[in-house]
Amino acid sequence: MTYEESVSYLLDIPRFSRKTSLENLKELLKILGDPQEQVKAVHIAGTNGKGSVCSFLNTMLIKSQKSVGLFTSPHLVHMNERIRINGEMISNQEFTDVFEKVKNAVAILESRGGVHPSFFEYLFVMAAAAFAGHGVEYAIFETGLGGRMDATTAVENPVACVITSISLDHMQYLGDTVAKIAGEKAGIIVPGVPVIYDGNDPDAAEVI
């Protein structure tokens, strides 16, 4: 497939597939060799400031001579913007190559009774596969929506979790109070893993 065909396929996913279960996503990642476990992952959630924190951490790690993968959303112009390695978005060719790698894994998943991943899930898996393929040391994963049920929660062994400021957002999905939303964002927390969070809102801080 060409880059344009890959992008067209991804944009068409919402027409035939929706968000799947975390178990389904983990099975897809397992088929690919669990690429998300081959990096030191930093998992970031929150209402405001996620993108800025991702950018700050990415720059600091690069300046510290570390190899870094960065997965963020949305993109502004090119879909490749969502997947960056050492500050540069991956090329059209690499985007297409990793797209096809995941597409082959999806075919195996479906043959086993699994479900085609959603648009965001597919891109998250592409990012994890691209980072593992490059052998990056660190990978920064920004959640798409919430935290507890977000696709990026498939990263089960991060080196750190970051929760930025929390306010009322996506209330139809996450809850109608800051405390409820904080509970969803806090779903990225893993026992034994350091958590850095914005403590300015007492309701959110109490939950976290």
N, C-alpha and C. Protein backbone atom coordinates (compact mmCIF):
# COMPACT_ATOMS: atom_id res chain seq x y z
N MET A 1 0.83 -1.20 0.00
CA MET A 1 0.00 0.00 0.00
C MET A 1 0.86 1.25 0.00
N THR A 2 0.35 2.33 -0.54
CA THR A 2 1.05 3.61 -0.50
C THR A 2 0.74 4.32 0.81
N TYR A 3 1.49 5.38 1.09
CA TYR A 3 1.22 6.18 2.29
C TYR A 3 -0.21 6.71 2.25
N GLU A 4 -0.62 7.23 1.10
CA GLU A 4 -1.96 7.79 0.95
C GLU A 4 -3.04 6.74 1.20
N GLU A 5 -2.80 5.53 0.73
CA GLU A 5 -3.76 4.44 0.94
C GLU A 5 -3.82 4.04 2.42
N SER A 6 -2.67 4.08 3.08
CA SER A 6 -2.63 3.76 4.51
C SER A 6 -3.44 4.77 5.31
N VAL A 7 -3.23 6.04 5.03
CA VAL A 7 -3.95 7.10 5.72
C VAL A 7 -5.45 6.99 5.44
N SER A 8 -5.80 6.73 4.20
CA SER A 8 -7.22 6.59 3.83
C SER A 8 -7.87 5.44 4.58
N TYR A 9 -7.15 4.33 4.71
CA TYR A 9 -7.67 3.17 5.44
C TYR A 9 -7.92 3.55 6.90
N LEU A 10 -6.96 4.22 7.53
CA LEU A 10 -7.09 4.60 8.93
C LEU A 10 -8.26 5.55 9.15
N LEU A 11 -8.41 6.51 8.26
CA LEU A 11 -9.50 7.47 8.39
C LEU A 11 -10.86 6.81 8.19
N ASP A 12 -10.87 5.68 7.51
CA ASP A 12 -12.12 4.97 7.24
C ASP A 12 -12.52 4.03 8.38
N ILE A 13 -11.61 3.78 9.32
CA ILE A 13 -11.88 2.83 10.40
C ILE A 13 -13.14 3.17 11.20
N PRO A 14 -13.38 4.45 11.56
CA PRO A 14 -14.60 4.75 12.35
C PRO A 14 -15.89 4.28 11.68
N ARG A 15 -15.85 4.05 10.38
CA ARG A 15 -17.04 3.60 9.67
C ARG A 15 -17.38 2.15 9.98
N PHE A 16 -16.34 1.34 10.29
CA PHE A 16 -16.61 -0.09 10.48
C PHE A 16 -16.11 -0.66 11.81
N SER A 17 -15.44 0.15 12.63
CA SER A 17 -14.95 -0.37 13.90
C SER A 17 -14.96 0.72 14.97
N ARG A 18 -15.25 0.33 16.19
CA ARG A 18 -15.26 1.23 17.33
C ARG A 18 -14.26 0.73 18.37
N LYS A 19 -14.14 1.46 19.46
CA LYS A 19 -13.23 1.10 20.55
C LYS A 19 -13.49 -0.34 21.00
N THR A 20 -12.43 -1.11 21.14
CA THR A 20 -12.57 -2.51 21.54
C THR A 20 -12.18 -2.67 23.01
N SER A 21 -12.20 -3.89 23.49
CA SER A 21 -11.82 -4.16 24.87
C SER A 21 -10.30 -4.11 25.01
N LEU A 22 -9.84 -3.87 26.23
CA LEU A 22 -8.40 -3.84 26.49
C LEU A 22 -7.80 -5.22 26.25
N GLU A 23 -8.58 -6.27 26.51
CA GLU A 23 -8.10 -7.63 26.28
C GLU A 23 -7.85 -7.86 24.79
N ASN A 24 -8.73 -7.34 23.96
CA ASN A 24 -8.58 -7.47 22.51
C ASN A 24 -7.30 -6.76 22.05
N LEU A 25 -7.08 -5.56 22.59
CA LEU A 25 -5.90 -4.78 22.23
C LEU A 25 -4.62 -5.47 22.69
N LYS A 26 -4.65 -6.03 23.88
CA LYS A 26 -3.47 -6.72 24.40
C LYS A 26 -3.14 -7.95 23.56
N GLU A 27 -4.16 -8.61 23.04
CA GLU A 27 -3.93 -9.77 22.19
C GLU A 27 -3.25 -9.35 20.90
N LEU A 28 -3.67 -8.19 20.34
CA LEU A 28 -3.04 -7.68 19.13
C LEU A 28 -1.57 -7.35 19.40
N LEU A 29 -1.31 -6.70 20.53
CA LEU A 29 0.07 -6.37 20.89
C LEU A 29 0.91 -7.63 21.10
N LYS A 30 0.30 -8.64 21.68
CA LYS A 30 1.01 -9.91 21.90
C LYS A 30 1.43 -10.54 20.58
N ILE A 31 0.56 -10.47 19.58
CA ILE A 31 0.89 -11.01 18.25
C ILE A 31 2.13 -10.31 17.69
N LEU A 32 2.28 -9.02 18.02
CA LEU A 32 3.42 -8.23 17.54
C LEU A 32 4.64 -8.34 18.45
N GLY A 33 4.55 -9.18 19.48
CA GLY A 33 5.68 -9.37 20.37
C GLY A 33 5.72 -8.40 21.54
N ASP A 34 4.57 -7.82 21.87
CA ASP A 34 4.46 -6.85 22.97
C ASP A 34 5.51 -5.74 22.87
N PRO A 35 5.46 -4.97 21.79
CA PRO A 35 6.45 -3.90 21.61
C PRO A 35 6.41 -2.83 22.70
N GLN A 36 5.26 -2.64 23.32
CA GLN A 36 5.13 -1.63 24.38
C GLN A 36 5.93 -1.98 25.62
N GLU A 37 6.33 -3.25 25.73
CA GLU A 37 7.11 -3.69 26.89
C GLU A 37 8.61 -3.63 26.61
N GLN A 38 8.98 -3.22 25.40
CA GLN A 38 10.40 -3.20 25.03
C GLN A 38 11.03 -1.82 25.20
N VAL A 39 10.30 -0.91 25.82
CA VAL A 39 10.78 0.46 26.04
C VAL A 39 10.51 0.87 27.49
N LYS A 40 11.19 1.92 27.92
CA LYS A 40 10.89 2.52 29.23
C LYS A 40 9.79 3.56 28.97
N ALA A 41 8.58 3.20 29.31
CA ALA A 41 7.44 4.04 28.96
C ALA A 41 7.10 5.05 30.05
N VAL A 42 6.74 6.25 29.61
CA VAL A 42 6.20 7.27 30.49
C VAL A 42 4.77 7.52 30.02
N HIS A 43 3.80 7.35 30.91
CA HIS A 43 2.38 7.40 30.56
C HIS A 43 1.79 8.71 31.09
N ILE A 44 1.13 9.47 30.23
CA ILE A 44 0.67 10.81 30.61
C ILE A 44 -0.83 10.95 30.36
N ALA A 45 -1.56 11.41 31.41
CA ALA A 45 -2.99 11.66 31.31
C ALA A 45 -3.29 13.03 31.92
N GLY A 46 -4.55 13.46 31.81
CA GLY A 46 -4.94 14.74 32.37
C GLY A 46 -5.88 15.47 31.44
N THR A 47 -6.46 16.57 31.92
CA THR A 47 -7.37 17.36 31.09
C THR A 47 -6.60 18.41 30.29
N ASN A 48 -5.78 19.17 30.98
CA ASN A 48 -5.02 20.25 30.34
C ASN A 48 -3.52 20.05 30.53
N GLY A 49 -2.76 20.38 29.50
CA GLY A 49 -1.30 20.36 29.64
C GLY A 49 -0.62 19.08 29.23
N LYS A 50 -1.38 18.07 28.79
CA LYS A 50 -0.73 16.80 28.41
C LYS A 50 0.29 17.02 27.29
N GLY A 51 -0.13 17.74 26.27
CA GLY A 51 0.76 17.97 25.13
C GLY A 51 2.02 18.70 25.51
N SER A 52 1.89 19.71 26.37
CA SER A 52 3.05 20.48 26.81
C SER A 52 4.00 19.61 27.62
N VAL A 53 3.46 18.82 28.53
CA VAL A 53 4.30 17.95 29.36
C VAL A 53 5.01 16.91 28.49
N CYS A 54 4.29 16.36 27.52
CA CYS A 54 4.92 15.41 26.59
C CYS A 54 6.09 16.08 25.88
N SER A 55 5.88 17.31 25.41
CA SER A 55 6.92 18.04 24.68
C SER A 55 8.11 18.33 25.58
N PHE A 56 7.85 18.76 26.81
CA PHE A 56 8.94 19.05 27.76
C PHE A 56 9.78 17.81 28.02
N LEU A 57 9.09 16.69 28.35
CA LEU A 57 9.80 15.45 28.65
C LEU A 57 10.59 14.96 27.44
N ASN A 58 9.98 15.05 26.28
CA ASN A 58 10.65 14.62 25.05
C ASN A 58 11.95 15.40 24.85
N THR A 59 11.87 16.72 25.00
CA THR A 59 13.05 17.57 24.81
C THR A 59 14.12 17.28 25.86
N MET A 60 13.71 17.13 27.11
CA MET A 60 14.68 16.86 28.18
C MET A 60 15.41 15.54 27.96
N LEU A 61 14.69 14.51 27.54
CA LEU A 61 15.32 13.22 27.32
C LEU A 61 16.27 13.26 26.13
N ILE A 62 15.86 13.95 25.06
CA ILE A 62 16.74 14.07 23.89
C ILE A 62 18.01 14.84 24.26
N LYS A 63 17.85 15.92 25.02
CA LYS A 63 19.01 16.71 25.45
C LYS A 63 19.91 15.91 26.38
N SER A 64 19.34 14.88 27.01
CA SER A 64 20.13 14.01 27.90
C SER A 64 20.74 12.84 27.15
N GLN A 65 20.72 12.95 25.80
CA GLN A 65 21.33 11.94 24.92
C GLN A 65 20.61 10.59 24.99
N LYS A 66 19.30 10.63 25.22
CA LYS A 66 18.50 9.41 25.21
C LYS A 66 17.77 9.31 23.88
N SER A 67 17.51 8.07 23.44
CA SER A 67 16.68 7.87 22.26
C SER A 67 15.23 7.80 22.74
N VAL A 68 14.35 8.55 22.06
CA VAL A 68 13.00 8.76 22.59
C VAL A 68 11.94 8.63 21.49
N GLY A 69 10.86 7.92 21.82
CA GLY A 69 9.68 7.87 20.98
C GLY A 69 8.59 8.70 21.63
N LEU A 70 7.78 9.36 20.83
CA LEU A 70 6.71 10.21 21.35
C LEU A 70 5.42 9.93 20.58
N PHE A 71 4.37 9.56 21.32
CA PHE A 71 3.06 9.31 20.73
C PHE A 71 2.06 10.31 21.29
N THR A 72 1.51 11.16 20.43
CA THR A 72 0.55 12.18 20.86
C THR A 72 -0.61 12.25 19.88
N SER A 73 -1.63 13.00 20.25
CA SER A 73 -2.77 13.23 19.36
C SER A 73 -3.45 14.54 19.76
N PRO A 74 -4.17 15.15 18.82
CA PRO A 74 -4.33 14.76 17.43
C PRO A 74 -3.16 15.27 16.59
N HIS A 75 -3.23 15.07 15.28
CA HIS A 75 -2.23 15.67 14.40
C HIS A 75 -2.81 16.93 13.77
N LEU A 76 -1.95 17.81 13.32
CA LEU A 76 -2.40 19.06 12.73
C LEU A 76 -2.49 18.98 11.21
N VAL A 77 -1.46 18.44 10.59
CA VAL A 77 -1.43 18.35 9.12
C VAL A 77 -1.24 16.92 8.65
N HIS A 78 -0.16 16.27 9.11
CA HIS A 78 0.17 14.92 8.67
C HIS A 78 -0.05 13.92 9.81
N MET A 79 -0.63 12.78 9.49
CA MET A 79 -0.89 11.77 10.52
C MET A 79 0.40 11.28 11.17
N ASN A 80 1.52 11.36 10.42
CA ASN A 80 2.83 10.96 10.96
C ASN A 80 3.21 11.76 12.21
N GLU A 81 2.63 12.96 12.37
CA GLU A 81 2.97 13.81 13.52
C GLU A 81 2.71 13.11 14.85
N ARG A 82 1.81 12.15 14.84
CA ARG A 82 1.45 11.45 16.07
C ARG A 82 2.57 10.52 16.55
N ILE A 83 3.46 10.14 15.66
CA ILE A 83 4.53 9.19 15.99
C ILE A 83 5.87 9.84 15.67
N ARG A 84 6.60 10.21 16.70
CA ARG A 84 7.89 10.88 16.52
C ARG A 84 9.01 10.09 17.18
N ILE A 85 10.15 10.12 16.56
CA ILE A 85 11.33 9.45 17.12
C ILE A 85 12.46 10.46 17.14
N ASN A 86 12.96 10.70 18.33
CA ASN A 86 14.02 11.70 18.55
C ASN A 86 13.67 13.06 17.94
N GLY A 87 12.42 13.44 18.14
CA GLY A 87 11.97 14.77 17.75
C GLY A 87 11.45 14.89 16.33
N GLU A 88 11.62 13.85 15.52
CA GLU A 88 11.21 13.91 14.12
C GLU A 88 10.06 12.94 13.87
N MET A 89 9.02 13.41 13.15
CA MET A 89 7.94 12.49 12.82
C MET A 89 8.48 11.43 11.85
N ILE A 90 7.95 10.22 11.95
CA ILE A 90 8.45 9.16 11.09
C ILE A 90 8.10 9.48 9.64
N SER A 91 8.90 8.95 8.73
CA SER A 91 8.71 9.23 7.30
C SER A 91 7.45 8.56 6.78
N ASN A 92 7.01 8.99 5.60
CA ASN A 92 5.85 8.35 4.96
C ASN A 92 6.09 6.86 4.73
N GLN A 93 7.31 6.52 4.33
CA GLN A 93 7.63 5.12 4.07
C GLN A 93 7.57 4.29 5.35
N GLU A 94 8.15 4.82 6.42
CA GLU A 94 8.13 4.07 7.67
C GLU A 94 6.71 3.98 8.22
N PHE A 95 5.95 5.04 8.07
CA PHE A 95 4.55 5.02 8.50
C PHE A 95 3.80 3.90 7.77
N THR A 96 4.03 3.80 6.46
CA THR A 96 3.37 2.77 5.67
C THR A 96 3.84 1.38 6.06
N ASP A 97 5.14 1.24 6.30
CA ASP A 97 5.70 -0.07 6.68
C ASP A 97 5.11 -0.56 8.00
N VAL A 98 5.05 0.32 8.98
CA VAL A 98 4.54 -0.10 10.29
C VAL A 98 3.03 -0.28 10.24
N PHE A 99 2.36 0.50 9.37
CA PHE A 99 0.92 0.30 9.17
C PHE A 99 0.65 -1.11 8.66
N GLU A 100 1.43 -1.54 7.66
CA GLU A 100 1.22 -2.86 7.08
C GLU A 100 1.58 -3.97 8.07
N LYS A 101 2.59 -3.72 8.90
CA LYS A 101 2.96 -4.70 9.92
C LYS A 101 1.80 -4.92 10.88
N VAL A 102 1.17 -3.83 11.30
CA VAL A 102 0.02 -3.93 12.20
C VAL A 102 -1.17 -4.54 11.48
N LYS A 103 -1.36 -4.20 10.22
CA LYS A 103 -2.47 -4.74 9.44
C LYS A 103 -2.38 -6.27 9.35
N ASN A 104 -1.17 -6.78 9.16
CA ASN A 104 -0.97 -8.23 9.11
C ASN A 104 -1.31 -8.87 10.46
N ALA A 105 -0.93 -8.17 11.54
CA ALA A 105 -1.23 -8.68 12.88
C ALA A 105 -2.74 -8.64 13.14
N VAL A 106 -3.42 -7.62 12.63
CA VAL A 106 -4.87 -7.52 12.78
C VAL A 106 -5.55 -8.69 12.07
N ALA A 107 -5.04 -9.08 10.91
CA ALA A 107 -5.60 -10.21 10.17
C ALA A 107 -5.50 -11.49 11.00
N ILE A 108 -4.36 -11.66 11.68
CA ILE A 108 -4.18 -12.83 12.56
C ILE A 108 -5.16 -12.75 13.72
N LEU A 109 -5.28 -11.56 14.30
CA LEU A 109 -6.20 -11.36 15.43
C LEU A 109 -7.63 -11.73 15.03
N GLU A 110 -8.06 -11.25 13.88
CA GLU A 110 -9.43 -11.51 13.42
C GLU A 110 -9.64 -12.99 13.11
N SER A 111 -8.59 -13.66 12.63
CA SER A 111 -8.70 -15.09 12.34
C SER A 111 -8.88 -15.90 13.61
N ARG A 112 -8.48 -15.30 14.74
CA ARG A 112 -8.62 -15.96 16.04
C ARG A 112 -9.91 -15.53 16.76
N GLY A 113 -10.73 -14.77 16.06
CA GLY A 113 -11.99 -14.33 16.66
C GLY A 113 -11.92 -12.96 17.31
N GLY A 114 -10.79 -12.28 17.15
CA GLY A 114 -10.65 -10.94 17.71
C GLY A 114 -11.36 -9.90 16.87
N VAL A 115 -11.33 -8.65 17.36
CA VAL A 115 -12.04 -7.54 16.71
C VAL A 115 -11.04 -6.53 16.17
N HIS A 116 -11.35 -5.98 15.00
CA HIS A 116 -10.49 -4.95 14.40
C HIS A 116 -10.38 -3.76 15.36
N PRO A 117 -9.18 -3.24 15.60
CA PRO A 117 -9.01 -2.10 16.51
C PRO A 117 -9.63 -0.82 15.98
N SER A 118 -9.90 0.11 16.88
CA SER A 118 -10.42 1.42 16.50
C SER A 118 -9.29 2.25 15.88
N PHE A 119 -9.66 3.42 15.38
CA PHE A 119 -8.68 4.35 14.78
C PHE A 119 -7.55 4.65 15.76
N PHE A 120 -7.87 5.07 16.99
CA PHE A 120 -6.84 5.44 17.96
C PHE A 120 -6.04 4.22 18.39
N GLU A 121 -6.71 3.09 18.60
CA GLU A 121 -6.01 1.88 18.99
C GLU A 121 -4.99 1.46 17.94
N TYR A 122 -5.38 1.54 16.68
CA TYR A 122 -4.50 1.15 15.59
C TYR A 122 -3.24 2.02 15.58
N LEU A 123 -3.42 3.33 15.74
CA LEU A 123 -2.27 4.25 15.73
C LEU A 123 -1.39 4.05 16.96
N PHE A 124 -2.00 3.76 18.10
CA PHE A 124 -1.21 3.48 19.30
C PHE A 124 -0.33 2.25 19.09
N VAL A 125 -0.91 1.21 18.52
CA VAL A 125 -0.14 -0.02 18.26
C VAL A 125 0.95 0.25 17.23
N MET A 126 0.66 1.06 16.22
CA MET A 126 1.68 1.44 15.25
C MET A 126 2.84 2.15 15.94
N ALA A 127 2.52 3.06 16.85
CA ALA A 127 3.57 3.79 17.56
C ALA A 127 4.43 2.85 18.38
N ALA A 128 3.79 1.95 19.12
CA ALA A 128 4.55 1.00 19.95
C ALA A 128 5.46 0.14 19.08
N ALA A 129 4.95 -0.30 17.93
CA ALA A 129 5.75 -1.13 17.03
C ALA A 129 6.90 -0.34 16.43
N ALA A 130 6.65 0.93 16.08
CA ALA A 130 7.70 1.78 15.51
C ALA A 130 8.80 2.04 16.54
N PHE A 131 8.42 2.30 17.77
CA PHE A 131 9.41 2.57 18.81
C PHE A 131 10.27 1.34 19.09
N ALA A 132 9.63 0.18 19.19
CA ALA A 132 10.38 -1.05 19.43
C ALA A 132 11.29 -1.34 18.25
N GLY A 133 10.80 -1.10 17.04
CA GLY A 133 11.61 -1.35 15.85
C GLY A 133 12.86 -0.49 15.79
N HIS A 134 12.75 0.74 16.31
CA HIS A 134 13.90 1.65 16.34
C HIS A 134 14.79 1.40 17.55
N GLY A 135 14.30 0.61 18.49
CA GLY A 135 15.09 0.34 19.68
C GLY A 135 15.25 1.54 20.59
N VAL A 136 14.23 2.42 20.63
CA VAL A 136 14.34 3.60 21.50
C VAL A 136 14.39 3.16 22.95
N GLU A 137 15.05 3.96 23.77
CA GLU A 137 15.14 3.62 25.19
C GLU A 137 13.88 4.05 25.93
N TYR A 138 13.41 5.25 25.64
CA TYR A 138 12.21 5.78 26.30
C TYR A 138 11.10 6.01 25.29
N ALA A 139 9.86 5.83 25.74
CA ALA A 139 8.70 6.13 24.91
C ALA A 139 7.68 6.87 25.76
N ILE A 140 7.21 8.00 25.26
CA ILE A 140 6.22 8.81 25.95
C ILE A 140 4.87 8.58 25.28
N PHE A 141 3.89 8.13 26.06
CA PHE A 141 2.57 7.84 25.52
C PHE A 141 1.54 8.78 26.14
N GLU A 142 0.89 9.58 25.31
CA GLU A 142 -0.17 10.46 25.77
C GLU A 142 -1.52 9.75 25.61
N THR A 143 -2.33 9.75 26.66
CA THR A 143 -3.65 9.14 26.56
C THR A 143 -4.51 9.90 25.56
N GLY A 144 -5.48 9.19 25.00
CA GLY A 144 -6.40 9.84 24.09
C GLY A 144 -7.60 10.43 24.82
N LEU A 145 -8.24 9.61 25.66
CA LEU A 145 -9.43 10.03 26.39
C LEU A 145 -9.46 9.32 27.74
N GLY A 146 -9.51 10.11 28.82
CA GLY A 146 -9.58 9.50 30.14
C GLY A 146 -8.26 8.88 30.56
N GLY A 147 -8.30 7.60 30.89
CA GLY A 147 -7.09 6.92 31.34
C GLY A 147 -7.39 5.46 31.63
N ARG A 148 -8.37 5.22 32.48
CA ARG A 148 -8.66 3.86 32.93
C ARG A 148 -8.94 2.91 31.77
N MET A 149 -9.71 3.36 30.80
CA MET A 149 -10.08 2.49 29.68
C MET A 149 -9.41 2.91 28.38
N ASP A 150 -8.44 3.80 28.45
CA ASP A 150 -7.77 4.27 27.24
C ASP A 150 -6.87 3.18 26.68
N ALA A 151 -6.70 3.18 25.37
CA ALA A 151 -5.86 2.17 24.72
C ALA A 151 -4.44 2.16 25.27
N THR A 152 -3.92 3.34 25.61
CA THR A 152 -2.54 3.43 26.09
C THR A 152 -2.34 2.72 27.44
N THR A 153 -3.44 2.38 28.12
CA THR A 153 -3.33 1.66 29.39
C THR A 153 -2.82 0.24 29.16
N ALA A 154 -2.73 -0.18 27.92
CA ALA A 154 -2.11 -1.46 27.61
C ALA A 154 -0.63 -1.46 27.97
N VAL A 155 -0.07 -0.26 28.20
CA VAL A 155 1.29 -0.14 28.72
C VAL A 155 1.22 -0.44 30.21
N GLU A 156 1.56 -1.65 30.58
CA GLU A 156 1.34 -2.11 31.95
C GLU A 156 2.52 -1.90 32.89
N ASN A 157 3.70 -1.62 32.33
CA ASN A 157 4.89 -1.49 33.17
C ASN A 157 5.66 -0.20 32.87
N PRO A 158 5.00 0.96 33.02
CA PRO A 158 5.70 2.22 32.76
C PRO A 158 6.74 2.50 33.84
N VAL A 159 7.68 3.39 33.53
CA VAL A 159 8.65 3.79 34.54
C VAL A 159 8.13 4.97 35.36
N ALA A 160 7.13 5.66 34.81
CA ALA A 160 6.50 6.77 35.54
C ALA A 160 5.15 7.08 34.93
N CYS A 161 4.23 7.56 35.76
CA CYS A 161 2.92 8.01 35.30
C CYS A 161 2.79 9.49 35.67
N VAL A 162 2.27 10.28 34.74
CA VAL A 162 2.10 11.71 34.97
C VAL A 162 0.64 12.08 34.74
N ILE A 163 0.05 12.80 35.71
CA ILE A 163 -1.32 13.28 35.57
C ILE A 163 -1.30 14.79 35.69
N THR A 164 -1.65 15.47 34.61
CA THR A 164 -1.63 16.94 34.59
C THR A 164 -2.93 17.46 35.23
N SER A 165 -3.16 18.76 35.12
CA SER A 165 -4.34 19.35 35.77
C SER A 165 -5.62 18.72 35.24
N ILE A 166 -6.62 18.64 36.12
CA ILE A 166 -7.88 17.99 35.79
C ILE A 166 -9.03 18.97 35.95
N SER A 167 -9.91 19.01 34.96
CA SER A 167 -11.12 19.81 35.03
C SER A 167 -12.22 19.06 34.31
N LEU A 168 -13.41 19.67 34.21
CA LEU A 168 -14.54 18.99 33.59
C LEU A 168 -14.33 18.87 32.08
N ASP A 169 -14.21 17.63 31.60
CA ASP A 169 -14.07 17.40 30.16
C ASP A 169 -14.67 16.05 29.81
N HIS A 170 -15.21 15.93 28.62
CA HIS A 170 -15.81 14.68 28.14
C HIS A 170 -16.72 14.07 29.22
N MET A 171 -17.57 14.93 29.79
CA MET A 171 -18.38 14.51 30.93
C MET A 171 -19.32 13.36 30.60
N GLN A 172 -19.72 13.24 29.33
CA GLN A 172 -20.61 12.14 28.95
C GLN A 172 -19.92 10.79 29.05
N TYR A 173 -18.58 10.80 29.06
CA TYR A 173 -17.82 9.56 29.14
C TYR A 173 -17.14 9.37 30.50
N LEU A 174 -16.69 10.46 31.10
CA LEU A 174 -15.80 10.36 32.26
C LEU A 174 -16.45 10.70 33.60
N GLY A 175 -17.64 11.31 33.59
CA GLY A 175 -18.28 11.67 34.85
C GLY A 175 -18.58 13.16 34.92
N ASP A 176 -19.47 13.53 35.85
CA ASP A 176 -19.94 14.91 35.92
C ASP A 176 -19.32 15.73 37.05
N THR A 177 -18.29 15.20 37.70
CA THR A 177 -17.57 15.96 38.72
C THR A 177 -16.07 15.81 38.50
N VAL A 178 -15.30 16.73 39.04
CA VAL A 178 -13.84 16.65 38.93
C VAL A 178 -13.34 15.37 39.59
N ALA A 179 -13.94 15.00 40.72
CA ALA A 179 -13.51 13.80 41.43
C ALA A 179 -13.71 12.54 40.58
N LYS A 180 -14.86 12.45 39.90
CA LYS A 180 -15.12 11.28 39.04
C LYS A 180 -14.15 11.24 37.86
N ILE A 181 -13.91 12.40 37.28
CA ILE A 181 -12.98 12.47 36.15
C ILE A 181 -11.57 12.12 36.60
N ALA A 182 -11.20 12.60 37.78
CA ALA A 182 -9.88 12.27 38.33
C ALA A 182 -9.73 10.77 38.51
N GLY A 183 -10.82 10.11 38.90
CA GLY A 183 -10.78 8.66 39.06
C GLY A 183 -10.48 7.95 37.76
N GLU A 184 -11.06 8.47 36.66
CA GLU A 184 -10.79 7.89 35.35
C GLU A 184 -9.35 8.15 34.92
N LYS A 185 -8.86 9.39 35.11
CA LYS A 185 -7.48 9.72 34.75
C LYS A 185 -6.49 8.89 35.56
N ALA A 186 -6.84 8.68 36.85
CA ALA A 186 -5.95 7.94 37.75
C ALA A 186 -5.87 6.46 37.38
N GLY A 187 -6.68 6.05 36.41
CA GLY A 187 -6.64 4.66 35.97
C GLY A 187 -5.32 4.27 35.33
N ILE A 188 -4.46 5.25 35.02
CA ILE A 188 -3.14 4.90 34.45
C ILE A 188 -2.15 4.51 35.53
N ILE A 189 -2.51 4.76 36.81
CA ILE A 189 -1.57 4.49 37.91
C ILE A 189 -1.34 2.98 38.05
N VAL A 190 -0.08 2.61 38.21
CA VAL A 190 0.32 1.22 38.37
C VAL A 190 1.02 1.07 39.72
N PRO A 191 0.64 0.06 40.53
CA PRO A 191 1.29 -0.13 41.82
C PRO A 191 2.81 -0.21 41.70
N GLY A 192 3.51 0.54 42.56
CA GLY A 192 4.97 0.51 42.57
C GLY A 192 5.63 1.45 41.58
N VAL A 193 4.82 2.14 40.76
CA VAL A 193 5.37 3.05 39.75
C VAL A 193 5.17 4.50 40.22
N PRO A 194 6.22 5.33 40.18
CA PRO A 194 6.09 6.73 40.62
C PRO A 194 5.01 7.48 39.84
N VAL A 195 4.27 8.32 40.56
CA VAL A 195 3.22 9.14 39.96
C VAL A 195 3.52 10.61 40.23
N ILE A 196 3.55 11.40 39.18
CA ILE A 196 3.74 12.85 39.32
C ILE A 196 2.42 13.48 38.89
N TYR A 197 1.81 14.30 39.77
CA TYR A 197 0.51 14.85 39.41
C TYR A 197 0.35 16.29 39.87
N ASP A 198 -0.58 16.97 39.21
CA ASP A 198 -0.92 18.35 39.55
C ASP A 198 -1.83 18.32 40.77
N GLY A 199 -1.40 18.93 41.86
CA GLY A 199 -2.18 18.86 43.11
C GLY A 199 -2.96 20.12 43.42
N ASN A 200 -3.20 20.96 42.43
CA ASN A 200 -3.87 22.24 42.69
C ASN A 200 -5.35 22.10 43.01
N ASP A 201 -6.02 21.12 42.44
CA ASP A 201 -7.43 20.90 42.73
C ASP A 201 -7.57 19.88 43.85
N PRO A 202 -8.07 20.29 45.02
CA PRO A 202 -8.14 19.36 46.16
C PRO A 202 -9.02 18.14 45.91
N ASP A 203 -10.10 18.29 45.14
CA ASP A 203 -10.98 17.14 44.86
C ASP A 203 -10.25 16.11 44.02
N ALA A 204 -9.52 16.59 42.99
CA ALA A 204 -8.77 15.67 42.14
C ALA A 204 -7.60 15.06 42.91
N ALA A 205 -6.92 15.87 43.70
CA ALA A 205 -5.75 15.40 44.46
C ALA A 205 -6.14 14.32 45.46
N GLU A 206 -7.29 14.49 46.07
CA GLU A 206 -7.74 13.50 47.06
C GLU A 206 -7.96 12.13 46.43
N VAL A 207 -8.56 12.14 45.23
CA VAL A 207 -8.81 10.88 44.52
C VAL A 207 -7.48 10.24 44.09
N ILE A 208 -6.60 11.03 43.53
CA ILE A 208 -5.31 10.50 43.05
C ILE A 208 -4.47 9.98 44.20
